[in-house]
Amino acid sequence: MKSFKDIDGNNVSFENINELVLDLQTDIVTDDVTAYLVCVEDRTYEVSKKTYQAIESKK
């Protein structure tokens, strides 16, 4: 089993990296990224940019 930390420091466990879905929340006016999101089993967690990029690089 593996895990990552959400923005609040909570551990989120998962079995397989392929079950993680990455998404970005962006500002409607500037298109700047306002949140890095990871979805696991129909639940969405906000994560740091570093965590998002680490997951993205392993997929």
Foldseek 3Di string as FASTA:
>chain_A
DDWDAFPVRDTDDDDDLVQKDWDFDADPVPRHTPFTWIDHPNDIGTHDPVRSVVSVVVD
